[in-house]
């Protein structure tokens, strides 16, 4: 198991995220971070926020778990791929809900822009399958988290249910 995937490190990451990285109230800090990404045009700062970086002398830089040292020091509690997944699957949907609840067009646009900027996460079987059947070989290499989320939606909505006749991909391909 990779060091950043250990349950103890994940708990430490969540605790640090809500106590240091996203100070109370965390939703306000998240909104500010999303708007900053939209203004700068780069999602790296938000991805780094969810990676939860630390200094070399930090407790977790030298340990996987309590009493279990790492073979190579790490620079963050969460890896880049996992940080992108947290961003795409939790932080931005939460931000979208807040934007809609507050009727904030500025935040809504910030969420959309941020989502479009997020890089791809590690491919999974569902995304690889969708890339193969649609001929989108570039999906595996980096068309972004938004494209991957779209493919997951298609897979779960139609492929997983074997509902090929109603699938939007099948309808699109038959028009070609």
N, C-alpha and C. Protein backbone atom coordinates (compact mmCIF):
# COMPACT_ATOMS: atom_id res chain seq x y z
N UNK A 1 0.85 -1.18 0.00
CA UNK A 1 0.00 0.00 0.00
C UNK A 1 0.89 1.24 0.00
N UNK A 2 0.49 2.22 -0.79
CA UNK A 2 1.24 3.48 -0.81
C UNK A 2 1.07 4.22 0.51
N UNK A 3 2.14 4.90 0.96
CA UNK A 3 2.07 5.58 2.26
C UNK A 3 0.89 6.52 2.43
N UNK A 4 0.54 7.25 1.39
CA UNK A 4 -0.55 8.22 1.52
C UNK A 4 -1.93 7.57 1.58
N UNK A 5 -2.02 6.26 1.37
CA UNK A 5 -3.30 5.57 1.42
C UNK A 5 -3.59 4.92 2.76
N UNK A 6 -2.68 4.97 3.70
CA UNK A 6 -2.91 4.34 4.99
C UNK A 6 -4.06 5.04 5.71
N UNK A 7 -4.97 4.28 6.31
CA UNK A 7 -6.12 4.88 7.00
C UNK A 7 -5.72 5.91 8.06
N UNK A 8 -4.64 5.65 8.78
CA UNK A 8 -4.22 6.59 9.82
C UNK A 8 -3.84 7.93 9.21
N UNK A 9 -3.14 7.88 8.09
CA UNK A 9 -2.75 9.12 7.41
C UNK A 9 -3.98 9.84 6.85
N UNK A 10 -4.95 9.09 6.37
CA UNK A 10 -6.17 9.71 5.87
C UNK A 10 -6.92 10.44 6.99
N UNK A 11 -6.98 9.82 8.15
CA UNK A 11 -7.62 10.48 9.30
C UNK A 11 -6.84 11.72 9.70
N UNK A 12 -5.51 11.61 9.72
CA UNK A 12 -4.68 12.78 10.05
C UNK A 12 -4.89 13.89 9.02
N UNK A 13 -5.03 13.50 7.76
CA UNK A 13 -5.26 14.49 6.70
C UNK A 13 -6.60 15.19 6.90
N UNK A 14 -7.64 14.44 7.20
CA UNK A 14 -8.97 15.05 7.42
C UNK A 14 -8.93 15.99 8.61
N UNK A 15 -8.28 15.55 9.68
CA UNK A 15 -8.20 16.41 10.87
C UNK A 15 -7.45 17.70 10.56
N UNK A 16 -6.35 17.60 9.85
CA UNK A 16 -5.56 18.79 9.53
C UNK A 16 -6.30 19.68 8.54
N UNK A 17 -7.00 19.07 7.60
CA UNK A 17 -7.76 19.85 6.62
C UNK A 17 -8.76 20.76 7.32
N UNK A 18 -9.50 20.21 8.27
CA UNK A 18 -10.56 20.98 8.91
C UNK A 18 -10.09 21.85 10.07
N UNK A 19 -8.88 21.63 10.54
CA UNK A 19 -8.40 22.48 11.63
C UNK A 19 -7.40 23.53 11.18
N UNK A 20 -6.66 23.25 10.11
CA UNK A 20 -5.62 24.18 9.68
C UNK A 20 -5.82 24.71 8.26
N UNK A 21 -6.11 23.82 7.32
CA UNK A 21 -6.20 24.22 5.91
C UNK A 21 -7.49 24.95 5.58
N UNK A 22 -8.59 24.48 6.13
CA UNK A 22 -9.90 25.11 5.93
C UNK A 22 -10.41 25.56 7.30
N UNK A 23 -9.90 26.67 7.80
CA UNK A 23 -10.30 27.10 9.14
C UNK A 23 -11.80 27.38 9.20
N UNK A 24 -12.37 27.32 10.39
CA UNK A 24 -13.80 27.53 10.56
C UNK A 24 -14.25 28.89 10.05
N UNK A 25 -15.39 28.98 9.42
CA UNK A 25 -16.16 27.88 8.89
C UNK A 25 -15.54 27.36 7.59
N UNK A 26 -15.38 26.06 7.43
CA UNK A 26 -14.67 25.51 6.27
C UNK A 26 -15.33 25.83 4.94
N UNK A 27 -16.65 25.99 4.93
CA UNK A 27 -17.31 26.29 3.66
C UNK A 27 -16.92 27.67 3.14
N UNK A 28 -16.69 28.62 4.03
CA UNK A 28 -16.27 29.96 3.61
C UNK A 28 -14.85 29.91 3.04
N UNK A 29 -13.96 29.17 3.71
CA UNK A 29 -12.60 29.03 3.21
C UNK A 29 -12.59 28.34 1.85
N UNK A 30 -13.44 27.35 1.67
CA UNK A 30 -13.54 26.64 0.39
C UNK A 30 -14.03 27.58 -0.71
N UNK A 31 -15.04 28.38 -0.40
CA UNK A 31 -15.56 29.34 -1.39
C UNK A 31 -14.46 30.31 -1.83
N UNK A 32 -13.70 30.82 -0.87
CA UNK A 32 -12.61 31.75 -1.20
C UNK A 32 -11.57 31.08 -2.10
N UNK A 33 -11.24 29.83 -1.77
CA UNK A 33 -10.24 29.11 -2.55
C UNK A 33 -10.73 28.88 -3.98
N UNK A 34 -11.99 28.52 -4.15
CA UNK A 34 -12.56 28.30 -5.49
C UNK A 34 -12.53 29.60 -6.29
N UNK A 35 -12.92 30.69 -5.67
CA UNK A 35 -12.92 31.97 -6.37
C UNK A 35 -11.50 32.39 -6.75
N UNK A 36 -10.53 32.10 -5.90
CA UNK A 36 -9.14 32.42 -6.21
C UNK A 36 -8.66 31.62 -7.42
N UNK A 37 -9.04 30.35 -7.50
CA UNK A 37 -8.67 29.52 -8.65
C UNK A 37 -9.27 30.10 -9.92
N UNK A 38 -10.53 30.50 -9.85
CA UNK A 38 -11.19 31.07 -11.02
C UNK A 38 -10.49 32.36 -11.47
N UNK A 39 -10.02 33.14 -10.52
CA UNK A 39 -9.33 34.39 -10.87
C UNK A 39 -7.94 34.15 -11.44
N UNK A 40 -7.22 33.16 -10.92
CA UNK A 40 -5.84 32.91 -11.37
C UNK A 40 -5.77 32.01 -12.58
N UNK A 41 -6.80 31.19 -12.80
CA UNK A 41 -6.79 30.27 -13.93
C UNK A 41 -5.93 29.03 -13.69
N UNK A 42 -5.60 28.75 -12.45
CA UNK A 42 -4.79 27.57 -12.11
C UNK A 42 -5.39 26.87 -10.90
N UNK A 43 -5.56 25.56 -11.03
CA UNK A 43 -6.15 24.79 -9.93
C UNK A 43 -5.10 24.22 -8.99
N UNK A 44 -3.83 24.48 -9.24
CA UNK A 44 -2.76 23.89 -8.42
C UNK A 44 -2.88 24.27 -6.94
N UNK A 45 -3.22 25.51 -6.65
CA UNK A 45 -3.30 25.92 -5.24
C UNK A 45 -4.41 25.16 -4.51
N UNK A 46 -5.52 24.93 -5.19
CA UNK A 46 -6.62 24.20 -4.56
C UNK A 46 -6.27 22.71 -4.44
N UNK A 47 -5.61 22.16 -5.44
CA UNK A 47 -5.16 20.78 -5.35
C UNK A 47 -4.16 20.63 -4.20
N UNK A 48 -3.26 21.60 -4.08
CA UNK A 48 -2.28 21.56 -2.99
C UNK A 48 -2.97 21.65 -1.63
N UNK A 49 -4.03 22.43 -1.54
CA UNK A 49 -4.78 22.54 -0.30
C UNK A 49 -5.26 21.16 0.15
N UNK A 50 -5.77 20.38 -0.78
CA UNK A 50 -6.28 19.06 -0.44
C UNK A 50 -5.20 17.99 -0.37
N UNK A 51 -4.00 18.31 -0.82
CA UNK A 51 -2.87 17.39 -0.62
C UNK A 51 -2.37 17.50 0.83
N UNK A 52 -2.62 18.63 1.45
CA UNK A 52 -2.23 18.92 2.83
C UNK A 52 -0.72 18.78 3.00
N UNK A 53 0.01 19.69 2.36
CA UNK A 53 1.47 19.65 2.45
C UNK A 53 1.96 19.96 3.86
N UNK A 54 3.18 19.52 4.16
CA UNK A 54 3.78 19.80 5.46
C UNK A 54 5.28 19.97 5.32
N UNK A 55 5.87 20.42 6.39
CA UNK A 55 7.32 20.66 6.43
C UNK A 55 8.06 19.33 6.63
N UNK A 56 9.35 19.27 6.23
CA UNK A 56 10.13 18.03 6.36
C UNK A 56 10.23 17.50 7.79
N UNK A 57 10.15 18.38 8.78
CA UNK A 57 10.27 17.91 10.16
C UNK A 57 8.92 17.49 10.77
N UNK A 58 7.85 17.57 10.01
CA UNK A 58 6.53 17.19 10.48
C UNK A 58 6.50 15.70 10.87
N UNK A 59 5.68 15.36 11.85
CA UNK A 59 5.52 13.99 12.31
C UNK A 59 5.23 13.05 11.15
N UNK A 60 4.30 13.44 10.25
CA UNK A 60 3.87 12.55 9.17
C UNK A 60 4.85 12.47 8.02
N UNK A 61 5.83 13.34 7.98
CA UNK A 61 6.85 13.26 6.92
C UNK A 61 7.72 12.03 7.12
N UNK A 62 7.75 11.52 8.33
CA UNK A 62 8.64 10.41 8.66
C UNK A 62 7.90 9.12 9.01
N UNK A 63 6.56 9.15 9.02
CA UNK A 63 5.80 7.97 9.46
C UNK A 63 4.60 7.70 8.56
N UNK A 64 4.32 6.41 8.39
CA UNK A 64 3.11 5.98 7.71
C UNK A 64 1.98 5.90 8.73
N UNK A 65 2.32 5.38 9.89
CA UNK A 65 1.37 5.15 10.97
C UNK A 65 2.11 5.43 12.27
N UNK A 66 1.44 5.42 13.37
CA UNK A 66 2.12 5.61 14.65
C UNK A 66 3.14 4.50 14.83
N UNK A 67 4.40 4.87 14.99
CA UNK A 67 5.46 3.89 15.21
C UNK A 67 5.95 3.18 13.96
N UNK A 68 5.40 3.48 12.79
CA UNK A 68 5.80 2.81 11.55
C UNK A 68 6.43 3.84 10.62
N UNK A 69 7.77 3.80 10.47
CA UNK A 69 8.45 4.81 9.65
C UNK A 69 8.23 4.57 8.15
N UNK A 70 8.35 5.63 7.37
CA UNK A 70 8.28 5.52 5.91
C UNK A 70 9.67 5.21 5.38
N UNK A 71 9.72 4.56 4.22
CA UNK A 71 11.02 4.28 3.63
C UNK A 71 11.55 5.52 2.92
N UNK A 72 10.66 6.33 2.38
CA UNK A 72 11.05 7.58 1.74
C UNK A 72 10.14 8.68 2.27
N UNK A 73 10.71 9.79 2.64
CA UNK A 73 9.90 10.87 3.21
C UNK A 73 8.91 11.41 2.18
N UNK A 74 7.78 11.84 2.69
CA UNK A 74 6.76 12.41 1.84
C UNK A 74 6.62 13.89 2.13
N UNK A 75 5.93 14.60 1.25
CA UNK A 75 5.78 16.04 1.41
C UNK A 75 4.34 16.46 1.70
N UNK A 76 3.43 15.49 1.68
CA UNK A 76 2.03 15.80 1.93
C UNK A 76 1.32 14.57 2.48
N UNK A 77 0.21 14.79 3.15
CA UNK A 77 -0.57 13.68 3.69
C UNK A 77 -1.39 12.96 2.64
N UNK A 78 -1.72 13.64 1.55
CA UNK A 78 -2.56 13.09 0.50
C UNK A 78 -1.83 13.25 -0.83
N UNK A 79 -1.89 12.22 -1.67
CA UNK A 79 -1.26 12.29 -2.98
C UNK A 79 -2.04 13.17 -3.94
N UNK A 80 -1.41 13.54 -5.05
CA UNK A 80 -2.03 14.43 -6.03
C UNK A 80 -3.31 13.85 -6.61
N UNK A 81 -3.29 12.58 -7.00
CA UNK A 81 -4.50 11.97 -7.58
C UNK A 81 -5.65 11.97 -6.59
N UNK A 82 -5.37 11.61 -5.35
CA UNK A 82 -6.42 11.58 -4.33
C UNK A 82 -6.94 13.00 -4.06
N UNK A 83 -6.05 13.98 -4.06
CA UNK A 83 -6.47 15.37 -3.85
C UNK A 83 -7.41 15.81 -4.97
N UNK A 84 -7.09 15.42 -6.19
CA UNK A 84 -7.98 15.76 -7.32
C UNK A 84 -9.32 15.07 -7.18
N UNK A 85 -9.31 13.82 -6.72
CA UNK A 85 -10.57 13.11 -6.52
C UNK A 85 -11.41 13.77 -5.43
N UNK A 86 -10.78 14.20 -4.36
CA UNK A 86 -11.50 14.91 -3.29
C UNK A 86 -12.09 16.20 -3.85
N UNK A 87 -11.31 16.88 -4.63
CA UNK A 87 -11.75 18.14 -5.23
C UNK A 87 -12.94 17.91 -6.16
N UNK A 88 -12.82 16.93 -7.05
CA UNK A 88 -13.87 16.67 -8.04
C UNK A 88 -15.12 16.05 -7.44
N UNK A 89 -14.95 15.21 -6.44
CA UNK A 89 -16.09 14.45 -5.92
C UNK A 89 -16.72 15.01 -4.65
N UNK A 90 -16.00 15.86 -3.94
CA UNK A 90 -16.53 16.38 -2.67
C UNK A 90 -16.53 17.89 -2.63
N UNK A 91 -15.36 18.50 -2.78
CA UNK A 91 -15.24 19.95 -2.57
C UNK A 91 -16.03 20.76 -3.60
N UNK A 92 -15.91 20.42 -4.87
CA UNK A 92 -16.63 21.21 -5.87
C UNK A 92 -18.14 20.95 -5.86
N UNK A 93 -18.60 19.71 -5.69
CA UNK A 93 -20.05 19.55 -5.54
C UNK A 93 -20.61 20.29 -4.32
N UNK A 94 -19.85 20.32 -3.22
CA UNK A 94 -20.28 21.09 -2.06
C UNK A 94 -20.32 22.58 -2.40
N UNK A 95 -19.30 23.06 -3.09
CA UNK A 95 -19.26 24.47 -3.51
C UNK A 95 -20.41 24.80 -4.45
N UNK A 96 -20.74 23.87 -5.32
CA UNK A 96 -21.86 24.07 -6.24
C UNK A 96 -23.17 24.20 -5.47
N UNK A 97 -23.35 23.35 -4.48
CA UNK A 97 -24.55 23.41 -3.64
C UNK A 97 -24.64 24.74 -2.91
N UNK A 98 -23.51 25.19 -2.38
CA UNK A 98 -23.48 26.48 -1.67
C UNK A 98 -23.80 27.61 -2.65
N UNK A 99 -23.22 27.57 -3.85
CA UNK A 99 -23.47 28.62 -4.85
C UNK A 99 -24.95 28.69 -5.21
N UNK A 100 -25.56 27.54 -5.38
CA UNK A 100 -26.98 27.51 -5.73
C UNK A 100 -27.84 27.98 -4.56
N UNK A 101 -27.51 27.55 -3.36
CA UNK A 101 -28.28 27.94 -2.18
C UNK A 101 -28.19 29.45 -1.95
N UNK A 102 -27.01 30.02 -2.18
CA UNK A 102 -26.81 31.45 -1.97
C UNK A 102 -27.17 32.27 -3.21
N UNK A 103 -27.53 31.59 -4.29
CA UNK A 103 -27.80 32.25 -5.57
C UNK A 103 -26.63 33.14 -5.98
N UNK A 104 -25.42 32.60 -5.83
CA UNK A 104 -24.20 33.34 -6.15
C UNK A 104 -23.70 32.98 -7.54
N UNK A 105 -23.98 33.83 -8.49
CA UNK A 105 -23.53 33.59 -9.87
C UNK A 105 -22.01 33.57 -9.95
N UNK A 106 -21.38 34.42 -9.16
CA UNK A 106 -19.90 34.48 -9.16
C UNK A 106 -19.28 33.16 -8.69
N UNK A 107 -19.81 32.61 -7.60
CA UNK A 107 -19.29 31.34 -7.09
C UNK A 107 -19.64 30.20 -8.04
N UNK A 108 -20.83 30.22 -8.60
CA UNK A 108 -21.24 29.20 -9.55
C UNK A 108 -20.28 29.16 -10.74
N UNK A 109 -19.96 30.32 -11.26
CA UNK A 109 -19.01 30.40 -12.38
C UNK A 109 -17.61 29.96 -11.93
N UNK A 110 -17.24 30.31 -10.70
CA UNK A 110 -15.95 29.88 -10.16
C UNK A 110 -15.85 28.36 -10.06
N UNK A 111 -16.93 27.72 -9.64
CA UNK A 111 -16.96 26.26 -9.55
C UNK A 111 -16.81 25.66 -10.95
N UNK A 112 -17.54 26.19 -11.90
CA UNK A 112 -17.46 25.67 -13.28
C UNK A 112 -16.05 25.82 -13.84
N UNK A 113 -15.47 26.99 -13.66
CA UNK A 113 -14.11 27.22 -14.16
C UNK A 113 -13.10 26.31 -13.47
N UNK A 114 -13.25 26.16 -12.17
CA UNK A 114 -12.33 25.30 -11.41
C UNK A 114 -12.45 23.86 -11.87
N UNK A 115 -13.67 23.38 -12.05
CA UNK A 115 -13.89 21.99 -12.48
C UNK A 115 -13.23 21.75 -13.84
N UNK A 116 -13.32 22.72 -14.73
CA UNK A 116 -12.71 22.58 -16.06
C UNK A 116 -11.18 22.56 -15.99
N UNK A 117 -10.61 23.14 -14.95
CA UNK A 117 -9.15 23.21 -14.82
C UNK A 117 -8.51 21.99 -14.17
N UNK A 118 -9.29 21.21 -13.44
CA UNK A 118 -8.72 20.09 -12.69
C UNK A 118 -8.18 19.04 -13.66
N UNK A 119 -6.97 18.61 -13.41
CA UNK A 119 -6.35 17.57 -14.23
C UNK A 119 -7.00 16.22 -13.99
N UNK A 120 -6.64 15.27 -14.79
CA UNK A 120 -7.16 13.92 -14.68
C UNK A 120 -6.69 13.25 -13.40
N UNK A 121 -7.52 12.36 -12.93
CA UNK A 121 -7.13 11.51 -11.80
C UNK A 121 -6.69 10.18 -12.38
N UNK A 122 -6.20 9.30 -11.55
CA UNK A 122 -5.77 7.99 -12.04
C UNK A 122 -6.94 7.29 -12.72
N UNK A 123 -6.71 6.73 -13.88
CA UNK A 123 -7.81 6.06 -14.57
C UNK A 123 -8.26 4.83 -13.79
N UNK A 124 -9.53 4.54 -13.87
CA UNK A 124 -10.07 3.34 -13.26
C UNK A 124 -10.67 2.47 -14.36
N UNK A 125 -11.17 1.30 -14.00
CA UNK A 125 -11.71 0.39 -15.02
C UNK A 125 -12.86 1.01 -15.81
N UNK A 126 -13.73 1.72 -15.11
CA UNK A 126 -14.89 2.32 -15.79
C UNK A 126 -14.46 3.34 -16.82
N UNK A 127 -13.53 4.22 -16.44
CA UNK A 127 -13.05 5.23 -17.39
C UNK A 127 -12.29 4.59 -18.55
N UNK A 128 -11.49 3.58 -18.26
CA UNK A 128 -10.75 2.89 -19.32
C UNK A 128 -11.72 2.22 -20.29
N UNK A 129 -12.75 1.61 -19.76
CA UNK A 129 -13.77 0.97 -20.59
C UNK A 129 -14.44 2.00 -21.51
N UNK A 130 -14.85 3.13 -20.91
CA UNK A 130 -15.51 4.17 -21.70
C UNK A 130 -14.57 4.77 -22.75
N UNK A 131 -13.32 4.93 -22.39
CA UNK A 131 -12.35 5.44 -23.36
C UNK A 131 -12.22 4.48 -24.54
N UNK A 132 -12.22 3.19 -24.25
CA UNK A 132 -12.10 2.20 -25.31
C UNK A 132 -13.32 2.18 -26.22
N UNK A 133 -14.53 2.18 -25.65
CA UNK A 133 -15.72 2.06 -26.51
C UNK A 133 -16.03 3.35 -27.26
N UNK A 134 -15.55 4.47 -26.76
CA UNK A 134 -15.81 5.73 -27.46
C UNK A 134 -14.65 6.14 -28.36
N UNK A 135 -13.54 5.43 -28.24
CA UNK A 135 -12.37 5.78 -29.04
C UNK A 135 -11.65 7.00 -28.51
N UNK A 136 -11.89 7.36 -27.27
CA UNK A 136 -11.26 8.53 -26.65
C UNK A 136 -9.98 8.13 -25.93
N UNK A 137 -8.99 7.71 -26.67
CA UNK A 137 -7.77 7.22 -26.05
C UNK A 137 -7.08 8.29 -25.23
N UNK A 138 -7.29 9.55 -25.55
CA UNK A 138 -6.67 10.64 -24.79
C UNK A 138 -7.20 10.78 -23.38
N UNK A 139 -8.34 10.16 -23.10
CA UNK A 139 -8.94 10.27 -21.77
C UNK A 139 -7.99 9.77 -20.70
N UNK A 140 -7.28 8.68 -20.99
CA UNK A 140 -6.38 8.11 -19.99
C UNK A 140 -5.24 9.05 -19.68
N UNK A 141 -4.83 9.83 -20.64
CA UNK A 141 -3.66 10.67 -20.45
C UNK A 141 -3.94 12.04 -19.89
N UNK A 142 -5.14 12.56 -19.98
CA UNK A 142 -5.33 13.86 -19.38
C UNK A 142 -6.34 14.78 -20.02
N UNK A 143 -7.55 14.34 -20.15
CA UNK A 143 -8.57 15.27 -20.63
C UNK A 143 -9.29 15.93 -19.47
N UNK A 144 -8.85 15.66 -18.29
CA UNK A 144 -9.38 16.35 -17.14
C UNK A 144 -10.41 15.57 -16.36
N UNK A 145 -10.56 15.99 -15.11
CA UNK A 145 -11.49 15.33 -14.20
C UNK A 145 -12.93 15.48 -14.68
N UNK A 146 -13.26 16.60 -15.32
CA UNK A 146 -14.63 16.80 -15.79
C UNK A 146 -15.00 15.75 -16.83
N UNK A 147 -14.10 15.47 -17.77
CA UNK A 147 -14.34 14.44 -18.78
C UNK A 147 -14.47 13.07 -18.10
N UNK A 148 -13.61 12.81 -17.13
CA UNK A 148 -13.68 11.53 -16.44
C UNK A 148 -14.99 11.38 -15.68
N UNK A 149 -15.46 12.44 -15.05
CA UNK A 149 -16.74 12.38 -14.35
C UNK A 149 -17.88 12.12 -15.34
N UNK A 150 -17.79 12.73 -16.52
CA UNK A 150 -18.79 12.50 -17.55
C UNK A 150 -18.83 11.04 -17.99
N UNK A 151 -17.67 10.48 -18.17
CA UNK A 151 -17.60 9.07 -18.55
C UNK A 151 -18.13 8.16 -17.44
N UNK A 152 -17.85 8.49 -16.20
CA UNK A 152 -18.39 7.70 -15.09
C UNK A 152 -19.92 7.78 -15.07
N UNK A 153 -20.45 8.95 -15.35
CA UNK A 153 -21.91 9.12 -15.40
C UNK A 153 -22.50 8.24 -16.51
N UNK A 154 -21.89 8.26 -17.68
CA UNK A 154 -22.37 7.42 -18.78
C UNK A 154 -22.27 5.94 -18.43
N UNK A 155 -21.15 5.57 -17.86
CA UNK A 155 -20.95 4.16 -17.52
C UNK A 155 -22.01 3.69 -16.52
N UNK A 156 -22.20 4.45 -15.46
CA UNK A 156 -23.15 4.03 -14.41
C UNK A 156 -24.60 4.12 -14.88
N UNK A 157 -24.87 5.08 -15.75
CA UNK A 157 -26.25 5.27 -16.21
C UNK A 157 -26.68 4.29 -17.27
N UNK A 158 -25.74 3.82 -18.11
CA UNK A 158 -26.14 2.98 -19.22
C UNK A 158 -25.32 1.69 -19.33
N UNK A 159 -24.00 1.77 -19.34
CA UNK A 159 -23.18 0.57 -19.55
C UNK A 159 -23.35 -0.44 -18.43
N UNK A 160 -23.28 0.02 -17.21
CA UNK A 160 -23.38 -0.88 -16.07
C UNK A 160 -24.73 -1.58 -16.04
N UNK A 161 -25.74 -0.91 -16.52
CA UNK A 161 -27.10 -1.46 -16.55
C UNK A 161 -27.39 -2.21 -17.85
N UNK A 162 -26.41 -2.23 -18.74
CA UNK A 162 -26.55 -2.89 -20.06
C UNK A 162 -27.74 -2.32 -20.83
N UNK A 163 -27.89 -0.99 -20.76
CA UNK A 163 -28.97 -0.30 -21.43
C UNK A 163 -28.42 0.42 -22.67
N UNK A 164 -27.79 -0.34 -23.53
CA UNK A 164 -27.09 0.21 -24.69
C UNK A 164 -28.02 0.97 -25.65
N UNK A 165 -29.23 0.51 -25.79
CA UNK A 165 -30.15 1.13 -26.76
C UNK A 165 -30.50 2.57 -26.38
N UNK A 166 -30.45 2.91 -25.11
CA UNK A 166 -30.78 4.27 -24.67
C UNK A 166 -29.54 5.12 -24.38
N UNK A 167 -28.38 4.57 -24.58
CA UNK A 167 -27.14 5.27 -24.24
C UNK A 167 -26.87 6.45 -25.18
N UNK A 168 -26.57 7.61 -24.65
CA UNK A 168 -26.26 8.77 -25.49
C UNK A 168 -25.05 8.54 -26.40
N UNK A 169 -24.09 7.75 -25.96
CA UNK A 169 -22.92 7.47 -26.79
C UNK A 169 -23.33 6.66 -28.00
N UNK A 170 -24.17 5.64 -27.80
CA UNK A 170 -24.63 4.81 -28.90
C UNK A 170 -25.45 5.64 -29.88
N UNK A 171 -26.29 6.54 -29.36
CA UNK A 171 -27.10 7.39 -30.25
C UNK A 171 -26.21 8.32 -31.06
N UNK A 172 -25.19 8.87 -30.42
CA UNK A 172 -24.26 9.78 -31.11
C UNK A 172 -23.48 9.03 -32.18
N UNK A 173 -23.01 7.82 -31.86
CA UNK A 173 -22.22 7.05 -32.81
C UNK A 173 -23.06 6.59 -33.99
N UNK A 174 -24.36 6.34 -33.78
CA UNK A 174 -25.22 5.89 -34.89
C UNK A 174 -25.51 7.02 -35.87
N UNK A 175 -25.36 8.29 -35.43
CA UNK A 175 -25.60 9.44 -36.31
C UNK A 175 -24.39 9.75 -37.18
N UNK A 176 -23.27 9.19 -36.87
CA UNK A 176 -22.03 9.48 -37.61
C UNK A 176 -22.04 8.87 -38.96
